[in-house]
PDB file of all heavy atoms in Angstrom:
ATOM      1  N   ARG A   1      -3.031   4.600   7.164  1.00  0.00           N
ATOM      2  CA  ARG A   1      -2.932   5.106   5.842  1.00  0.00           C
ATOM      3  C   ARG A   1      -2.535   3.919   4.945  1.00  0.00           C
ATOM      4  O   ARG A   1      -3.077   3.850   3.790  1.00  0.00           O
ATOM      5  CB  ARG A   1      -1.881   6.158   5.666  1.00  0.00           C
ATOM      6  CG  ARG A   1      -1.604   6.634   4.335  1.00  0.00           C
ATOM      7  CD  ARG A   1      -0.855   8.007   4.243  1.00  0.00           C
ATOM      8  NE  ARG A   1      -1.621   9.067   4.687  1.00  0.00           N
ATOM      9  CZ  ARG A   1      -1.250  10.361   4.645  1.00  0.00           C
ATOM     10  NH1 ARG A   1      -0.070  10.621   4.079  1.00  0.00           N
ATOM     11  NH2 ARG A   1      -2.030  11.265   5.048  1.00  0.00           N
ATOM     12  N   ALA A   2      -1.695   3.023   5.426  1.00  0.00           N
ATOM     13  CA  ALA A   2      -1.381   1.837   4.556  1.00  0.00           C
ATOM     14  C   ALA A   2      -2.558   1.051   4.282  1.00  0.00           C
ATOM     15  O   ALA A   2      -2.757   0.580   3.086  1.00  0.00           O
ATOM     16  CB  ALA A   2      -0.311   1.044   5.296  1.00  0.00           C
ATOM     17  N   ASP A   3      -3.466   0.882   5.281  1.00  0.00           N
ATOM     18  CA  ASP A   3      -4.645   0.096   5.001  1.00  0.00           C
ATOM     19  C   ASP A   3      -5.677   0.794   4.088  1.00  0.00           C
ATOM     20  O   ASP A   3      -6.298   0.191   3.300  1.00  0.00           O
ATOM     21  CB  ASP A   3      -5.326  -0.218   6.464  1.00  0.00           C
ATOM     22  CG  ASP A   3      -6.463  -1.164   6.241  1.00  0.00           C
ATOM     23  OD1 ASP A   3      -6.181  -2.370   5.855  1.00  0.00           O
ATOM     24  OD2 ASP A   3      -7.600  -0.844   6.539  1.00  0.00           O
ATOM     25  N   ASP A   4      -5.762   2.084   4.303  1.00  0.00           N
ATOM     26  CA  ASP A   4      -6.668   2.918   3.382  1.00  0.00           C
ATOM     27  C   ASP A   4      -6.294   2.689   1.890  1.00  0.00           C
ATOM     28  O   ASP A   4      -7.153   2.530   1.073  1.00  0.00           O
ATOM     29  CB  ASP A   4      -6.597   4.380   3.754  1.00  0.00           C
ATOM     30  CG  ASP A   4      -7.298   4.677   5.103  1.00  0.00           C
ATOM     31  OD1 ASP A   4      -8.015   3.870   5.540  1.00  0.00           O
ATOM     32  OD2 ASP A   4      -7.085   5.705   5.628  1.00  0.00           O
ATOM     33  N   ILE A   5      -4.944   2.754   1.599  1.00  0.00           N
ATOM     34  CA  ILE A   5      -4.470   2.640   0.269  1.00  0.00           C
ATOM     35  C   ILE A   5      -4.642   1.212  -0.186  1.00  0.00           C
ATOM     36  O   ILE A   5      -5.212   0.844  -1.269  1.00  0.00           O
ATOM     37  CB  ILE A   5      -2.965   2.951   0.099  1.00  0.00           C
ATOM     38  CG1 ILE A   5      -2.781   4.501   0.354  1.00  0.00           C
ATOM     39  CG2 ILE A   5      -2.527   2.606  -1.225  1.00  0.00           C
ATOM     40  CD1 ILE A   5      -1.411   4.970   0.412  1.00  0.00           C
ATOM     41  N   ALA A   6      -4.349   0.164   0.725  1.00  0.00           N
ATOM     42  CA  ALA A   6      -4.423  -1.168   0.304  1.00  0.00           C
ATOM     43  C   ALA A   6      -5.921  -1.640  -0.057  1.00  0.00           C
ATOM     44  O   ALA A   6      -6.068  -2.541  -0.823  1.00  0.00           O
ATOM     45  CB  ALA A   6      -3.828  -2.009   1.346  1.00  0.00           C
ATOM     46  N   ARG A   7      -6.790  -0.933   0.592  1.00  0.00           N
ATOM     47  CA  ARG A   7      -8.309  -1.345   0.341  1.00  0.00           C
ATOM     48  C   ARG A   7      -8.657  -1.092  -1.087  1.00  0.00           C
ATOM     49  O   ARG A   7      -9.612  -1.736  -1.684  1.00  0.00           O
ATOM     50  CB  ARG A   7      -9.194  -0.553   1.210  1.00  0.00           C
ATOM     51  CG  ARG A   7      -9.179  -1.037   2.689  1.00  0.00           C
ATOM     52  CD  ARG A   7     -10.079  -0.373   3.621  1.00  0.00           C
ATOM     53  NE  ARG A   7     -10.039  -0.956   4.929  1.00  0.00           N
ATOM     54  CZ  ARG A   7     -10.790  -2.116   5.214  1.00  0.00           C
ATOM     55  NH1 ARG A   7     -11.558  -2.634   4.313  1.00  0.00           N
ATOM     56  NH2 ARG A   7     -10.690  -2.587   6.388  1.00  0.00           N
ATOM     57  N   ALA A   8      -7.899  -0.296  -1.874  1.00  0.00           N
ATOM     58  CA  ALA A   8      -8.167  -0.158  -3.329  1.00  0.00           C
ATOM     59  C   ALA A   8      -7.965  -1.523  -4.070  1.00  0.00           C
ATOM     60  O   ALA A   8      -8.474  -1.683  -5.147  1.00  0.00           O
ATOM     61  CB  ALA A   8      -7.268   0.924  -3.916  1.00  0.00           C
ATOM     62  N   PHE A   9      -7.158  -2.392  -3.435  1.00  0.00           N
ATOM     63  CA  PHE A   9      -6.860  -3.596  -4.127  1.00  0.00           C
ATOM     64  C   PHE A   9      -7.721  -4.820  -3.582  1.00  0.00           C
ATOM     65  O   PHE A   9      -7.549  -5.993  -3.878  1.00  0.00           O
ATOM     66  CB  PHE A   9      -5.397  -3.999  -3.921  1.00  0.00           C
ATOM     67  CG  PHE A   9      -4.500  -2.995  -4.484  1.00  0.00           C
ATOM     68  CD1 PHE A   9      -4.048  -1.845  -3.798  1.00  0.00           C
ATOM     69  CD2 PHE A   9      -4.111  -3.193  -5.761  1.00  0.00           C
ATOM     70  CE1 PHE A   9      -3.209  -0.918  -4.398  1.00  0.00           C
ATOM     71  CE2 PHE A   9      -3.207  -2.288  -6.366  1.00  0.00           C
ATOM     72  CZ  PHE A   9      -2.822  -1.069  -5.727  1.00  0.00           C
ATOM     73  N   LEU A  10      -8.762  -4.512  -2.804  1.00  0.00           N
ATOM     74  CA  LEU A  10      -9.677  -5.587  -2.358  1.00  0.00           C
ATOM     75  C   LEU A  10     -10.539  -5.970  -3.495  1.00  0.00           C
ATOM     76  O   LEU A  10     -11.125  -5.081  -4.197  1.00  0.00           O
ATOM     77  CB  LEU A  10     -10.604  -5.085  -1.231  1.00  0.00           C
ATOM     78  CG  LEU A  10     -10.058  -5.124   0.185  1.00  0.00           C
ATOM     79  CD1 LEU A  10     -10.891  -4.363   1.130  1.00  0.00           C
ATOM     80  CD2 LEU A  10      -9.742  -6.448   0.632  1.00  0.00           C
ATOM     81  N   PRO A  11     -10.640  -7.234  -3.959  1.00  0.00           N
ATOM     82  CA  PRO A  11     -11.311  -7.687  -5.123  1.00  0.00           C
ATOM     83  C   PRO A  11     -12.764  -7.938  -4.703  1.00  0.00           C
ATOM     84  O   PRO A  11     -13.092  -7.879  -3.473  1.00  0.00           O
ATOM     85  CB  PRO A  11     -10.656  -9.006  -5.530  1.00  0.00           C
ATOM     86  CG  PRO A  11     -10.092  -9.573  -4.168  1.00  0.00           C
ATOM     87  CD  PRO A  11      -9.701  -8.282  -3.417  1.00  0.00           C
ATOM     88  N   ARG A  12     -13.606  -8.325  -5.606  1.00  0.00           N
ATOM     89  CA  ARG A  12     -14.901  -8.625  -5.354  1.00  0.00           C
ATOM     90  C   ARG A  12     -15.069 -10.116  -5.255  1.00  0.00           C
ATOM     91  O   ARG A  12     -16.204 -10.698  -5.161  1.00  0.00           O
ATOM     92  CB  ARG A  12     -15.823  -8.097  -6.459  1.00  0.00           C
ATOM     93  CG  ARG A  12     -15.834  -6.637  -6.464  1.00  0.00           C
ATOM     94  CD  ARG A  12     -16.694  -6.049  -7.706  1.00  0.00           C
ATOM     95  NE  ARG A  12     -16.669  -4.648  -7.673  1.00  0.00           N
ATOM     96  CZ  ARG A  12     -17.264  -3.915  -8.650  1.00  0.00           C
ATOM     97  NH1 ARG A  12     -17.962  -4.512  -9.528  1.00  0.00           N
ATOM     98  NH2 ARG A  12     -17.203  -2.622  -8.676  1.00  0.00           N
ATOM     99  N   TRP A  13     -13.964 -10.889  -5.248  1.00  0.00           N
ATOM    100  CA  TRP A  13     -14.006 -12.253  -4.960  1.00  0.00           C
ATOM    101  C   TRP A  13     -13.115 -12.548  -3.865  1.00  0.00           C
ATOM    102  O   TRP A  13     -12.558 -11.756  -3.125  1.00  0.00           O
ATOM    103  CB  TRP A  13     -13.705 -13.060  -6.232  1.00  0.00           C
ATOM    104  CG  TRP A  13     -12.306 -12.711  -6.878  1.00  0.00           C
ATOM    105  CD1 TRP A  13     -11.129 -13.206  -6.618  1.00  0.00           C
ATOM    106  CD2 TRP A  13     -12.263 -11.670  -7.883  1.00  0.00           C
ATOM    107  NE1 TRP A  13     -10.128 -12.494  -7.391  1.00  0.00           N
ATOM    108  CE2 TRP A  13     -10.844 -11.546  -8.103  1.00  0.00           C
ATOM    109  CE3 TRP A  13     -13.155 -10.765  -8.536  1.00  0.00           C
ATOM    110  CZ2 TRP A  13     -10.254 -10.598  -9.064  1.00  0.00           C
ATOM    111  CZ3 TRP A  13     -12.578  -9.920  -9.459  1.00  0.00           C
ATOM    112  CH2 TRP A  13     -11.219  -9.852  -9.707  1.00  0.00           C
ATOM    113  N   TYR A  14     -12.824 -13.879  -3.533  1.00  0.00           N
ATOM    114  CA  TYR A  14     -12.238 -14.334  -2.249  1.00  0.00           C
ATOM    115  C   TYR A  14     -10.689 -14.062  -2.267  1.00  0.00           C
ATOM    116  O   TYR A  14     -10.080 -14.037  -1.190  1.00  0.00           O
ATOM    117  CB  TYR A  14     -12.537 -15.678  -1.978  1.00  0.00           C
ATOM    118  CG  TYR A  14     -11.880 -16.731  -2.864  1.00  0.00           C
ATOM    119  CD1 TYR A  14     -10.680 -17.286  -2.567  1.00  0.00           C
ATOM    120  CD2 TYR A  14     -12.604 -17.127  -4.011  1.00  0.00           C
ATOM    121  CE1 TYR A  14     -10.136 -18.186  -3.441  1.00  0.00           C
ATOM    122  CE2 TYR A  14     -12.004 -18.002  -4.891  1.00  0.00           C
ATOM    123  CZ  TYR A  14     -10.787 -18.608  -4.587  1.00  0.00           C
ATOM    124  OH  TYR A  14     -10.220 -19.554  -5.486  1.00  0.00           O
ATOM    125  N   ILE A  15     -10.024 -13.994  -3.425  1.00  0.00           N
ATOM    126  CA  ILE A  15      -8.617 -13.823  -3.436  1.00  0.00           C
ATOM    127  C   ILE A  15      -8.184 -12.404  -2.970  1.00  0.00           C
ATOM    128  O   ILE A  15      -8.584 -11.389  -3.641  1.00  0.00           O
ATOM    129  CB  ILE A  15      -8.019 -14.212  -4.829  1.00  0.00           C
ATOM    130  CG1 ILE A  15      -8.353 -15.597  -5.226  1.00  0.00           C
ATOM    131  CG2 ILE A  15      -6.458 -14.012  -4.799  1.00  0.00           C
ATOM    132  CD1 ILE A  15      -7.986 -15.955  -6.560  1.00  0.00           C
ATOM    133  N   ARG A  16      -7.365 -12.309  -1.948  1.00  0.00           N
ATOM    134  CA  ARG A  16      -7.025 -11.002  -1.381  1.00  0.00           C
ATOM    135  C   ARG A  16      -5.520 -10.784  -1.359  1.00  0.00           C
ATOM    136  O   ARG A  16      -4.991  -9.968  -0.607  1.00  0.00           O
ATOM    137  CB  ARG A  16      -7.555 -10.831   0.001  1.00  0.00           C
ATOM    138  CG  ARG A  16      -9.129 -10.897  -0.066  1.00  0.00           C
ATOM    139  CD  ARG A  16      -9.694 -10.361   1.309  1.00  0.00           C
ATOM    140  NE  ARG A  16     -11.155 -10.112   1.257  1.00  0.00           N
ATOM    141  CZ  ARG A  16     -11.803  -9.512   2.194  1.00  0.00           C
ATOM    142  NH1 ARG A  16     -11.218  -8.897   3.169  1.00  0.00           N
ATOM    143  NH2 ARG A  16     -13.172  -9.310   1.985  1.00  0.00           N
ATOM    144  N   TYR A  17      -4.771 -11.474  -2.236  1.00  0.00           N
ATOM    145  CA  TYR A  17      -3.310 -11.448  -2.250  1.00  0.00           C
ATOM    146  C   TYR A  17      -2.804  -9.976  -2.327  1.00  0.00           C
ATOM    147  O   TYR A  17      -1.969  -9.505  -1.595  1.00  0.00           O
ATOM    148  CB  TYR A  17      -2.652 -12.367  -3.266  1.00  0.00           C
ATOM    149  CG  TYR A  17      -1.153 -12.385  -3.254  1.00  0.00           C
ATOM    150  CD1 TYR A  17      -0.597 -13.341  -2.420  1.00  0.00           C
ATOM    151  CD2 TYR A  17      -0.470 -11.512  -3.891  1.00  0.00           C
ATOM    152  CE1 TYR A  17       0.804 -13.401  -2.264  1.00  0.00           C
ATOM    153  CE2 TYR A  17       1.008 -11.651  -3.836  1.00  0.00           C
ATOM    154  CZ  TYR A  17       1.577 -12.572  -2.988  1.00  0.00           C
ATOM    155  OH  TYR A  17       2.862 -12.627  -2.853  1.00  0.00           O
ATOM    156  N   ASP A  18      -3.313  -9.253  -3.325  1.00  0.00           N
ATOM    157  CA  ASP A  18      -2.796  -7.904  -3.567  1.00  0.00           C
ATOM    158  C   ASP A  18      -3.056  -6.939  -2.413  1.00  0.00           C
ATOM    159  O   ASP A  18      -2.304  -6.141  -2.077  1.00  0.00           O
ATOM    160  CB  ASP A  18      -3.394  -7.315  -4.814  1.00  0.00           C
ATOM    161  CG  ASP A  18      -2.890  -7.998  -6.155  1.00  0.00           C
ATOM    162  OD1 ASP A  18      -1.911  -8.703  -6.005  1.00  0.00           O
ATOM    163  OD2 ASP A  18      -3.499  -7.696  -7.252  1.00  0.00           O
ATOM    164  N   TYR A  19      -4.263  -7.133  -1.795  1.00  0.00           N
ATOM    165  CA  TYR A  19      -4.505  -6.343  -0.661  1.00  0.00           C
ATOM    166  C   TYR A  19      -3.569  -6.523   0.492  1.00  0.00           C
ATOM    167  O   TYR A  19      -2.994  -5.639   1.075  1.00  0.00           O
ATOM    168  CB  TYR A  19      -6.003  -6.626  -0.141  1.00  0.00           C
ATOM    169  CG  TYR A  19      -6.183  -6.162   1.309  1.00  0.00           C
ATOM    170  CD1 TYR A  19      -6.390  -4.717   1.517  1.00  0.00           C
ATOM    171  CD2 TYR A  19      -6.331  -7.035   2.380  1.00  0.00           C
ATOM    172  CE1 TYR A  19      -6.602  -4.310   2.857  1.00  0.00           C
ATOM    173  CE2 TYR A  19      -6.562  -6.521   3.677  1.00  0.00           C
ATOM    174  CZ  TYR A  19      -6.711  -5.202   3.915  1.00  0.00           C
ATOM    175  OH  TYR A  19      -6.917  -4.819   5.113  1.00  0.00           O
ATOM    176  N   TYR A  20      -3.331  -7.861   0.793  1.00  0.00           N
ATOM    177  CA  TYR A  20      -2.362  -8.155   1.952  1.00  0.00           C
ATOM    178  C   TYR A  20      -0.981  -7.712   1.555  1.00  0.00           C
ATOM    179  O   TYR A  20      -0.220  -7.206   2.436  1.00  0.00           O
ATOM    180  CB  TYR A  20      -2.409  -9.560   2.331  1.00  0.00           C
ATOM    181  CG  TYR A  20      -3.669  -9.951   3.008  1.00  0.00           C
ATOM    182  CD1 TYR A  20      -4.626 -10.796   2.437  1.00  0.00           C
ATOM    183  CD2 TYR A  20      -4.014  -9.354   4.263  1.00  0.00           C
ATOM    184  CE1 TYR A  20      -5.827 -11.150   3.126  1.00  0.00           C
ATOM    185  CE2 TYR A  20      -5.265  -9.690   4.924  1.00  0.00           C
ATOM    186  CZ  TYR A  20      -6.135 -10.566   4.307  1.00  0.00           C
ATOM    187  OH  TYR A  20      -7.284 -10.902   5.004  1.00  0.00           O
ATOM    188  N   TYR A  21      -0.566  -7.931   0.360  1.00  0.00           N
ATOM    189  CA  TYR A  21       0.770  -7.462  -0.071  1.00  0.00           C
ATOM    190  C   TYR A  21       0.873  -5.925  -0.063  1.00  0.00           C
ATOM    191  O   TYR A  21       1.860  -5.493   0.569  1.00  0.00           O
ATOM    192  CB  TYR A  21       0.992  -7.876  -1.608  1.00  0.00           C
ATOM    193  CG  TYR A  21       2.257  -7.239  -2.080  1.00  0.00           C
ATOM    194  CD1 TYR A  21       3.490  -7.733  -1.881  1.00  0.00           C
ATOM    195  CD2 TYR A  21       2.164  -6.025  -2.844  1.00  0.00           C
ATOM    196  CE1 TYR A  21       4.676  -7.106  -2.265  1.00  0.00           C
ATOM    197  CE2 TYR A  21       3.373  -5.427  -3.306  1.00  0.00           C
ATOM    198  CZ  TYR A  21       4.509  -5.942  -3.012  1.00  0.00           C
ATOM    199  OH  TYR A  21       5.686  -5.247  -3.475  1.00  0.00           O
ATOM    200  N   ALA A  22      -0.105  -5.156  -0.482  1.00  0.00           N
ATOM    201  CA  ALA A  22      -0.026  -3.778  -0.452  1.00  0.00           C
ATOM    202  C   ALA A  22       0.020  -3.266   0.981  1.00  0.00           C
ATOM    203  O   ALA A  22       0.871  -2.387   1.350  1.00  0.00           O
ATOM    204  CB  ALA A  22      -1.170  -3.130  -1.233  1.00  0.00           C
ATOM    205  N   ARG A  23      -0.844  -3.777   1.820  1.00  0.00           N
ATOM    206  CA  ARG A  23      -0.847  -3.322   3.218  1.00  0.00           C
ATOM    207  C   ARG A  23       0.438  -3.658   3.990  1.00  0.00           C
ATOM    208  O   ARG A  23       0.975  -2.717   4.699  1.00  0.00           O
ATOM    209  CB  ARG A  23      -2.036  -4.080   3.937  1.00  0.00           C
ATOM    210  CG  ARG A  23      -2.249  -3.399   5.370  1.00  0.00           C
ATOM    211  CD  ARG A  23      -3.491  -4.076   6.039  1.00  0.00           C
ATOM    212  NE  ARG A  23      -3.187  -5.453   6.469  1.00  0.00           N
ATOM    213  CZ  ARG A  23      -3.980  -6.115   7.155  1.00  0.00           C
ATOM    214  NH1 ARG A  23      -5.220  -5.711   7.478  1.00  0.00           N
ATOM    215  NH2 ARG A  23      -3.621  -7.422   7.484  1.00  0.00           N
ATOM    216  N   THR A  24       1.090  -4.714   3.693  1.00  0.00           N
ATOM    217  CA  THR A  24       2.299  -5.073   4.321  1.00  0.00           C
ATOM    218  C   THR A  24       3.391  -4.253   3.775  1.00  0.00           C
ATOM    219  O   THR A  24       4.256  -3.719   4.585  1.00  0.00           O
ATOM    220  CB  THR A  24       2.607  -6.599   4.113  1.00  0.00           C
ATOM    221  OG1 THR A  24       1.548  -7.441   4.719  1.00  0.00           O
ATOM    222  CG2 THR A  24       3.908  -6.897   4.779  1.00  0.00           C
ATOM    223  N   LYS A  25       3.486  -4.058   2.466  1.00  0.00           N
ATOM    224  CA  LYS A  25       4.498  -3.340   1.823  1.00  0.00           C
ATOM    225  C   LYS A  25       4.551  -1.873   2.352  1.00  0.00           C
ATOM    226  O   LYS A  25       5.570  -1.333   2.655  1.00  0.00           O
ATOM    227  CB  LYS A  25       4.357  -3.398   0.344  1.00  0.00           C
ATOM    228  CG  LYS A  25       5.499  -2.619  -0.440  1.00  0.00           C
ATOM    229  CD  LYS A  25       6.725  -3.278  -0.527  1.00  0.00           C
ATOM    230  CE  LYS A  25       7.695  -2.647  -1.514  1.00  0.00           C
ATOM    231  NZ  LYS A  25       9.059  -3.265  -1.445  1.00  0.00           N
ATOM    232  N   LEU A  26       3.438  -1.316   2.235  1.00  0.00           N
ATOM    233  CA  LEU A  26       3.204   0.136   2.665  1.00  0.00           C
ATOM    234  C   LEU A  26       3.439   0.313   4.101  1.00  0.00           C
ATOM    235  O   LEU A  26       3.977   1.343   4.570  1.00  0.00           O
ATOM    236  CB  LEU A  26       1.888   0.622   2.305  1.00  0.00           C
ATOM    237  CG  LEU A  26       1.563   0.723   0.800  1.00  0.00           C
ATOM    238  CD1 LEU A  26       0.023   0.844   0.547  1.00  0.00           C
ATOM    239  CD2 LEU A  26       2.193   1.858   0.167  1.00  0.00           C
ATOM    240  N   GLY A  27       3.111  -0.654   4.925  1.00  0.00           N
ATOM    241  CA  GLY A  27       3.190  -0.496   6.363  1.00  0.00           C
ATOM    242  C   GLY A  27       4.623  -0.865   6.924  1.00  0.00           C
ATOM    243  O   GLY A  27       4.812  -0.666   8.130  1.00  0.00           O
ATOM    244  N   THR A  28       5.448  -1.478   6.142  1.00  0.00           N
ATOM    245  CA  THR A  28       6.717  -1.968   6.625  1.00  0.00           C
ATOM    246  C   THR A  28       7.951  -1.349   5.981  1.00  0.00           C
ATOM    247  O   THR A  28       9.094  -1.410   6.553  1.00  0.00           O
ATOM    248  CB  THR A  28       6.875  -3.388   6.601  1.00  0.00           C
ATOM    249  OG1 THR A  28       6.787  -3.874   5.323  1.00  0.00           O
ATOM    250  CG2 THR A  28       5.801  -4.092   7.477  1.00  0.00           C
ATOM    251  N   ASP A  29       7.781  -0.961   4.657  1.00  0.00           N
ATOM    252  CA  ASP A  29       8.886  -0.462   3.884  1.00  0.00           C
ATOM    253  C   ASP A  29       8.912   1.023   3.834  1.00  0.00           C
ATOM    254  O   ASP A  29       7.904   1.726   3.455  1.00  0.00           O
ATOM    255  CB  ASP A  29       8.746  -1.023   2.449  1.00  0.00           C
ATOM    256  CG  ASP A  29      10.047  -0.835   1.557  1.00  0.00           C
ATOM    257  OD1 ASP A  29      10.754  -0.030   1.976  1.00  0.00           O
ATOM    258  OD2 ASP A  29      10.097  -1.677   0.664  1.00  0.00           O
ATOM    259  N   PRO A  30      10.022   1.736   4.155  1.00  0.00           N
ATOM    260  CA  PRO A  30      10.095   3.170   4.106  1.00  0.00           C
ATOM    261  C   PRO A  30      10.196   3.688   2.687  1.00  0.00           C
ATOM    262  O   PRO A  30      10.311   4.919   2.474  1.00  0.00           O
ATOM    263  CB  PRO A  30      11.316   3.494   4.888  1.00  0.00           C
ATOM    264  CG  PRO A  30      12.290   2.236   4.724  1.00  0.00           C
ATOM    265  CD  PRO A  30      11.325   1.144   4.663  1.00  0.00           C
ATOM    266  N   LEU A  31      10.165   2.777   1.670  1.00  0.00           N
ATOM    267  CA  LEU A  31      10.271   3.252   0.251  1.00  0.00           C
ATOM    268  C   LEU A  31       9.425   4.460  -0.119  1.00  0.00           C
ATOM    269  O   LEU A  31       9.812   5.481  -0.579  1.00  0.00           O
ATOM    270  CB  LEU A  31       9.996   2.109  -0.576  1.00  0.00           C
ATOM    271  CG  LEU A  31       9.959   2.437  -2.164  1.00  0.00           C
ATOM    272  CD1 LEU A  31      11.254   2.943  -2.664  1.00  0.00           C
ATOM    273  CD2 LEU A  31       9.511   1.203  -3.033  1.00  0.00           C
ATOM    274  N   TYR A  32       8.053   4.256   0.077  1.00  0.00           N
ATOM    275  CA  TYR A  32       7.195   5.290  -0.457  1.00  0.00           C
ATOM    276  C   TYR A  32       7.273   6.634   0.211  1.00  0.00           C
ATOM    277  O   TYR A  32       7.242   7.685  -0.454  1.00  0.00           O
ATOM    278  CB  TYR A  32       5.732   4.705  -0.400  1.00  0.00           C
ATOM    279  CG  TYR A  32       5.686   3.424  -1.327  1.00  0.00           C
ATOM    280  CD1 TYR A  32       5.699   2.204  -0.728  1.00  0.00           C
ATOM    281  CD2 TYR A  32       5.830   3.576  -2.740  1.00  0.00           C
ATOM    282  CE1 TYR A  32       5.678   1.091  -1.521  1.00  0.00           C
ATOM    283  CE2 TYR A  32       5.820   2.418  -3.509  1.00  0.00           C
ATOM    284  CZ  TYR A  32       5.790   1.131  -2.993  1.00  0.00           C
ATOM    285  OH  TYR A  32       5.839   0.018  -3.728  1.00  0.00           O
ATOM    286  N   PRO A  33       7.287   6.636   1.547  1.00  0.00           N
ATOM    287  CA  PRO A  33       7.624   7.911   2.241  1.00  0.00           C
ATOM    288  C   PRO A  33       8.892   8.570   1.786  1.00  0.00           C
ATOM    289  O   PRO A  33       9.036   9.784   1.595  1.00  0.00           O
ATOM    290  CB  PRO A  33       7.543   7.675   3.694  1.00  0.00           C
ATOM    291  CG  PRO A  33       6.779   6.376   3.807  1.00  0.00           C
ATOM    292  CD  PRO A  33       6.985   5.627   2.558  1.00  0.00           C
ATOM    293  N   GLY A  34       9.845   7.754   1.526  1.00  0.00           N
ATOM    294  CA  GLY A  34      11.146   8.172   1.083  1.00  0.00           C
ATOM    295  C   GLY A  34      11.255   8.833  -0.295  1.00  0.00           C
ATOM    296  O   GLY A  34      11.789   9.913  -0.524  1.00  0.00           O
ATOM    297  N   VAL A  35      10.394   8.267  -1.208  1.00  0.00           N
ATOM    298  CA  VAL A  35      10.179   8.859  -2.491  1.00  0.00           C
ATOM    299  C   VAL A  35       9.268  10.085  -2.471  1.00  0.00           C
ATOM    300  O   VAL A  35       9.654  11.121  -3.159  1.00  0.00           O
ATOM    301  CB  VAL A  35       9.698   7.739  -3.456  1.00  0.00           C
ATOM    302  CG1 VAL A  35       9.466   8.362  -4.882  1.00  0.00           C
ATOM    303  CG2 VAL A  35      10.637   6.555  -3.590  1.00  0.00           C
ATOM    304  N   CYS A  36       8.212   9.999  -1.706  1.00  0.00           N
ATOM    305  CA  CYS A  36       7.393  11.165  -1.628  1.00  0.00           C
ATOM    306  C   CYS A  36       8.131  12.343  -1.091  1.00  0.00           C
ATOM    307  O   CYS A  36       7.926  13.539  -1.557  1.00  0.00           O
ATOM    308  CB  CYS A  36       6.156  10.906  -0.685  1.00  0.00           C
ATOM    309  SG  CYS A  36       5.000   9.804  -1.482  1.00  0.00           S
ATOM    310  N   ASP A  37       9.085  12.194  -0.114  1.00  0.00           N
ATOM    311  CA  ASP A  37       9.858  13.306   0.435  1.00  0.00           C
ATOM    312  C   ASP A  37      10.617  13.948  -0.586  1.00  0.00           C
ATOM    313  O   ASP A  37      10.734  15.199  -0.696  1.00  0.00           O
ATOM    314  CB  ASP A  37      10.710  12.755   1.617  1.00  0.00           C
ATOM    315  CG  ASP A  37       9.939  12.482   2.860  1.00  0.00           C
ATOM    316  OD1 ASP A  37       8.901  12.768   2.939  1.00  0.00           O
ATOM    317  OD2 ASP A  37      10.676  11.839   3.738  1.00  0.00           O
ATOM    318  N   VAL A  38      11.224  13.189  -1.501  1.00  0.00           N
ATOM    319  CA  VAL A  38      12.080  13.671  -2.644  1.00  0.00           C
ATOM    320  C   VAL A  38      11.301  14.440  -3.636  1.00  0.00           C
ATOM    321  O   VAL A  38      11.713  15.475  -4.111  1.00  0.00           O
ATOM    322  CB  VAL A  38      12.877  12.477  -3.249  1.00  0.00           C
ATOM    323  CG1 VAL A  38      13.509  13.041  -4.572  1.00  0.00           C
ATOM    324  CG2 VAL A  38      13.874  11.935  -2.269  1.00  0.00           C
ATOM    325  N   LEU A  39      10.199  14.007  -3.995  1.00  0.00           N
ATOM    326  CA  LEU A  39       9.350  14.544  -5.083  1.00  0.00           C
ATOM    327  C   LEU A  39       8.494  15.691  -4.555  1.00  0.00           C
ATOM    328  O   LEU A  39       7.963  16.410  -5.412  1.00  0.00           O
ATOM    329  CB  LEU A  39       8.536  13.467  -5.811  1.00  0.00           C
ATOM    330  CG  LEU A  39       9.321  12.389  -6.479  1.00  0.00           C
ATOM    331  CD1 LEU A  39       8.282  11.288  -7.048  1.00  0.00           C
ATOM    332  CD2 LEU A  39      10.059  13.006  -7.630  1.00  0.00           C
ATOM    333  N   ARG A  40       8.287  15.855  -3.274  1.00  0.00           N
ATOM    334  CA  ARG A  40       7.375  16.888  -2.741  1.00  0.00           C
ATOM    335  C   ARG A  40       7.914  18.273  -3.155  1.00  0.00           C
ATOM    336  O   ARG A  40       9.094  18.609  -3.053  1.00  0.00           O
ATOM    337  CB  ARG A  40       7.264  16.770  -1.250  1.00  0.00           C
ATOM    338  CG  ARG A  40       6.144  17.616  -0.682  1.00  0.00           C
ATOM    339  CD  ARG A  40       6.020  17.410   0.760  1.00  0.00           C
ATOM    340  NE  ARG A  40       5.684  15.983   1.157  1.00  0.00           N
ATOM    341  CZ  ARG A  40       6.489  15.228   1.824  1.00  0.00           C
ATOM    342  NH1 ARG A  40       7.610  15.672   2.273  1.00  0.00           N
ATOM    343  NH2 ARG A  40       6.179  13.948   2.133  1.00  0.00           N
ATOM    344  N   GLY A  41       6.987  19.060  -3.728  1.00  0.00           N
ATOM    345  CA  GLY A  41       7.348  20.370  -4.300  1.00  0.00           C
ATOM    346  C   GLY A  41       7.772  20.351  -5.789  1.00  0.00           C
ATOM    347  O   GLY A  41       7.840  21.477  -6.322  1.00  0.00           O
TER     348      GLY A  41
END
């Protein structure tokens, strides 16, 4: 799921910093599931 979301940040040129940042952030930090849990409903 982290990779699926991060792919939205793949550019059409060679710089992929945002993609790798997003994939690492989403795949290692419990922030986003923790916030989704609170806001669900």
